Protein backbone atom coordinates (compact mmCIF):
# COMPACT_ATOMS: atom_id res chain seq x y z
CA MET A 1 -94.73 -10.91 88.35
CA ALA A 2 -97.53 -13.65 88.15
CA SER A 3 -101.29 -12.24 86.71
CA SER A 4 -103.94 -10.80 89.98
CA ARG A 5 -106.52 -13.07 88.26
CA ALA A 6 -106.98 -16.93 89.06
CA LYS A 7 -106.83 -19.62 86.05
CA GLU A 8 -110.61 -20.29 86.56
CA GLU A 9 -111.82 -16.18 86.50
CA TRP A 10 -109.80 -16.09 83.29
CA ARG A 11 -111.65 -19.25 81.90
CA ALA A 12 -114.95 -17.18 83.42
CA LEU A 13 -114.03 -14.02 82.10
CA LEU A 14 -113.56 -15.57 78.08
CA ALA A 15 -115.74 -18.63 77.55
CA PRO A 16 -118.66 -16.63 76.81
CA LEU A 17 -116.99 -14.60 74.40
CA LEU A 18 -115.00 -16.84 72.45
CA SER A 19 -118.05 -18.92 70.60
CA THR A 20 -119.74 -15.19 69.72
CA SER A 21 -117.30 -13.35 68.71
CA ILE A 22 -112.77 -13.10 68.51
CA GLN A 23 -112.89 -9.22 67.89
CA ALA A 24 -115.47 -8.86 71.00
CA THR A 25 -112.48 -11.56 73.20
CA ASN A 26 -109.72 -9.36 72.37
CA GLU A 27 -111.69 -6.21 73.12
CA ARG A 28 -112.78 -7.00 76.17
CA LEU A 29 -109.35 -8.35 76.89
CA MET A 30 -107.71 -4.91 76.04
CA GLN A 31 -110.51 -2.90 78.06
CA THR A 32 -108.57 -5.03 81.63
CA ASP A 33 -107.07 -3.31 84.21
CA GLU A 34 -103.69 -5.26 84.68
CA ILE A 35 -103.32 -5.98 80.38
CA GLN A 36 -103.87 -2.20 80.54
CA GLN A 37 -101.32 -1.04 82.58
CA TRP A 38 -98.83 -4.05 81.25
CA LEU A 39 -98.93 -3.45 78.11
CA ARG A 40 -98.65 -0.06 78.43
CA GLN A 41 -95.42 0.37 80.08
CA ALA A 42 -93.49 -3.50 78.58
CA SER A 43 -94.25 -2.16 74.84
CA THR A 44 -93.10 1.27 75.97
CA GLU A 45 -90.11 0.30 77.54
CA ALA A 46 -89.45 -2.13 74.35
CA ALA A 47 -89.46 -0.39 71.41
CA GLU A 48 -86.75 2.23 73.53
CA GLY A 49 -85.03 -0.47 73.73
CA MET A 50 -84.59 -0.70 69.79
CA ARG A 51 -83.11 2.25 69.38
CA GLN A 52 -79.59 0.36 69.83
CA ARG A 53 -81.10 -1.34 66.70
CA PRO A 54 -83.99 -0.25 64.66
CA ASP A 55 -83.75 -2.57 61.80
CA MET A 56 -86.06 -5.36 61.49
CA GLN A 57 -83.40 -7.31 63.71
CA GLY A 58 -84.16 -5.46 66.63
CA GLN A 59 -87.96 -5.11 66.25
CA LEU A 60 -87.79 -9.19 65.95
CA HIS A 61 -85.64 -9.01 69.36
CA GLY A 62 -87.99 -6.54 71.00
CA TYR A 63 -91.14 -8.69 69.62
CA THR A 64 -89.49 -12.08 71.36
CA GLN A 65 -88.11 -10.34 74.46
CA LEU A 66 -91.24 -9.21 75.24
CA LYS A 67 -93.93 -11.96 74.61
CA ALA A 68 -92.13 -14.05 76.38
CA ALA A 69 -92.19 -11.25 79.25
CA PHE A 70 -95.91 -11.35 78.88
CA ASN A 71 -95.66 -14.98 78.98
CA ASP A 72 -94.18 -14.78 82.67
CA ARG A 73 -96.68 -12.11 83.71
CA PHE A 74 -99.90 -14.28 82.35
CA PRO A 75 -99.39 -17.24 82.80
CA GLU A 76 -103.16 -18.30 84.18
CA LEU A 77 -104.43 -16.62 80.91
CA LEU A 78 -102.17 -19.04 78.26
CA GLY A 79 -103.38 -21.75 80.25
CA ALA A 80 -107.29 -21.18 80.43
CA LEU A 81 -107.37 -20.49 77.07
CA GLU A 82 -105.18 -23.89 76.33
CA ASP A 83 -108.11 -25.02 78.02
CA LEU A 84 -110.85 -23.07 76.38
CA THR A 85 -110.08 -24.39 73.07
CA GLU A 86 -108.45 -27.43 73.27
CA GLY A 87 -104.64 -26.23 72.73
CA CYS A 88 -105.41 -24.61 69.39
CA GLY A 89 -105.42 -20.94 70.72
CA THR A 90 -102.67 -18.84 72.57
CA ILE A 91 -102.36 -15.36 72.82
CA ASP A 92 -100.05 -13.13 70.40
CA LEU A 93 -98.92 -9.50 70.72
CA ASP A 94 -99.55 -6.96 68.10
CA TRP A 95 -96.53 -4.87 69.01
CA THR A 96 -96.25 -1.48 66.84
CA PRO A 97 -93.10 -0.14 68.29
CA MET A 98 -93.64 3.13 66.00
CA ASN A 99 -96.46 4.02 68.94
CA PRO A 100 -96.29 1.77 71.73
CA THR A 101 -98.96 3.01 73.24
CA LEU A 102 -101.42 1.35 69.95
CA SER A 103 -99.96 -2.21 70.98
CA ARG A 104 -102.50 -4.84 71.17
CA VAL A 105 -103.04 -8.58 72.83
CA GLU A 106 -104.84 -10.71 70.32
CA VAL A 107 -106.32 -14.45 70.35
CA ASP A 108 -104.34 -16.31 67.46
CA PHE A 109 -104.95 -19.86 66.13
CA HIS A 110 -101.48 -20.36 64.54
CA ARG A 111 -103.65 -20.42 60.95
CA ASP A 112 -103.52 -19.09 57.66
CA LEU A 113 -107.36 -17.96 58.11
CA SER A 114 -109.36 -15.44 60.34
CA VAL A 115 -111.15 -16.87 63.04
CA ASP A 116 -113.92 -15.54 63.92
CA LEU A 117 -115.29 -17.53 66.60
CA PHE A 118 -115.04 -20.50 68.24
CA THR A 119 -117.02 -23.66 69.47
CA ARG A 120 -116.74 -27.12 70.15
CA LEU A 121 -117.69 -30.29 68.90
CA ASP A 122 -119.27 -31.50 72.29
CA ALA A 123 -119.54 -35.36 70.42
CA PRO A 124 -118.67 -37.14 67.76
CA THR A 125 -122.49 -37.25 66.99
CA PRO A 126 -124.91 -35.75 63.60
CA GLU A 127 -126.72 -33.74 66.25
CA ALA A 128 -123.40 -31.79 68.21
CA ALA A 129 -121.75 -31.37 64.26
CA ARG A 130 -125.33 -29.71 63.32
CA ALA A 131 -124.88 -28.29 66.37
CA ALA A 132 -121.73 -26.77 65.56
CA LEU A 133 -122.62 -25.81 62.35
CA HIS A 134 -124.92 -23.71 63.47
CA ALA A 135 -122.88 -22.18 65.55
CA VAL A 136 -121.03 -21.02 62.82
CA GLU A 137 -123.55 -20.08 61.60
CA GLN A 138 -125.06 -17.43 63.79
CA ALA A 139 -122.12 -15.15 63.27
CA LEU A 140 -123.08 -14.68 60.27
CA PRO A 141 -123.08 -10.64 59.59
CA ASP A 142 -126.92 -9.09 59.36
CA GLY A 143 -128.43 -7.69 55.65
CA ALA A 144 -128.94 -9.39 52.76
CA PRO A 145 -125.29 -10.47 51.02
CA PHE A 146 -124.55 -8.62 47.63
CA PRO A 147 -124.77 -10.71 43.96
CA ASN A 148 -121.38 -12.53 43.53
CA ARG A 149 -120.74 -11.62 47.25
CA PRO A 150 -122.07 -13.28 50.15
CA ASN A 151 -122.05 -12.39 53.49
CA ALA A 152 -119.47 -14.84 55.29
CA VAL A 153 -117.99 -16.11 58.67
CA THR A 154 -115.51 -18.40 59.35
CA GLY A 155 -115.21 -20.25 62.92
CA LEU A 156 -112.50 -23.06 64.70
CA VAL A 157 -114.46 -26.06 65.66
CA ALA A 158 -112.58 -28.29 68.50
CA HIS A 159 -112.75 -31.77 69.17
CA ASP A 160 -110.60 -33.99 71.40
CA GLY A 161 -107.59 -32.18 71.02
CA SER A 162 -107.68 -30.92 66.85
CA CYS A 163 -109.18 -27.83 65.57
CA LEU A 164 -110.99 -27.39 61.89
CA GLY A 165 -111.81 -24.21 60.34
CA VAL A 166 -115.17 -23.96 59.25
CA ARG A 167 -116.45 -21.09 56.80
CA VAL A 168 -120.15 -20.39 56.22
CA ARG A 169 -121.47 -18.53 52.78
CA GLU A 170 -124.80 -16.77 52.93
CA HIS A 171 -125.18 -16.06 48.46
CA LEU A 172 -127.89 -14.23 47.44
CA SER A 173 -129.85 -16.57 44.80
CA GLY A 174 -129.97 -16.38 40.97
CA GLU A 175 -133.62 -14.75 41.08
CA GLY A 176 -132.25 -12.43 43.77
CA ASN A 177 -135.49 -12.83 45.99
CA GLY A 178 -133.74 -15.59 48.04
CA ARG A 179 -130.70 -17.23 50.08
CA TYR A 180 -128.72 -20.33 50.32
CA ARG A 181 -125.74 -21.22 52.04
CA THR A 182 -123.28 -22.81 52.15
CA VAL A 183 -120.21 -24.59 53.69
CA THR A 184 -116.30 -24.59 53.24
CA LEU A 185 -114.32 -26.74 55.65
CA LEU A 186 -110.78 -26.32 55.74
CA PRO A 187 -108.41 -28.53 57.46
CA GLU A 188 -105.21 -27.57 57.97
CA GLY A 189 -102.05 -29.27 55.61
CA ARG A 190 -105.34 -30.63 53.23
CA ASN A 191 -107.05 -29.28 50.98
CA ASP A 192 -110.61 -27.17 51.17
CA LEU A 193 -113.66 -29.34 50.99
CA GLU A 194 -116.13 -26.14 49.44
CA ASN A 195 -119.66 -25.48 48.19
CA LEU A 196 -121.22 -28.20 50.78
CA SER A 197 -124.34 -28.13 51.76
CA THR A 198 -125.25 -28.23 55.57
CA GLN A 199 -126.02 -32.06 55.15
CA ASP A 200 -122.83 -32.64 53.22
CA ALA A 201 -121.14 -30.45 55.81
CA VAL A 202 -122.09 -33.10 58.81
CA PRO A 203 -120.14 -36.37 57.59
CA ARG A 204 -117.21 -34.85 56.00
CA LEU A 205 -117.08 -32.38 60.03
CA LEU A 206 -117.13 -35.69 61.56
CA GLN A 207 -115.03 -38.08 59.85
CA LEU A 208 -112.33 -35.00 59.93
CA LEU A 209 -113.07 -34.29 63.09
CA ALA A 210 -113.59 -38.01 65.07
CA PRO A 211 -112.15 -40.00 62.37
CA ALA A 212 -112.72 -43.43 64.15
CA ASP A 213 -116.67 -42.95 65.44
CA SER A 214 -117.49 -40.79 62.42
CA SER A 215 -118.86 -44.78 60.76
CA SER A 216 -120.48 -45.84 63.24
CA ALA A 217 -122.43 -41.96 64.26
CA ALA A 218 -123.06 -41.06 60.21
């Protein structure tokens, strides 16, 4: 059975949340009646199926079947998320077979990092790169950082089908009466570019996400 919401309805639901908080996006998904009802029933049935094979292989088999059933039930949701994230994001299931009522759906980016928000590089220009970095900075936790433990936030910035991890840290200055920020760029399959100033991060971000345009945009 297909989802009761159209693709555009899922887009309208998710779009304003992804650029603010992935956690808030996940919470909003879990508040929708159709996901709540489907997940409660489907995760319980999958857990009951594990009784015949209560081992890791049985759990893997149960998860695989549950994920396939979710994909069949919510194709419009998956399509909306793919469009919004330029193919970088999908939905994963945090299935808890020992307590299936605690199972959850979550936005997932298939990265070895915890993503706090998603945003786009609207154009391969320094202005757009600064705007993308600012969007990540806006999600920094409130309050002053502790000495040797900076506040941090990690965003995923997309452009033309590619995504780049961007981590901003806010540090306490050595004198303890001021703050400064550093940027780390996290390209997949390559070394991180660490301790960049925002000014230095702009051309590096463009080189990584829009290499064909970065030389002329610099």
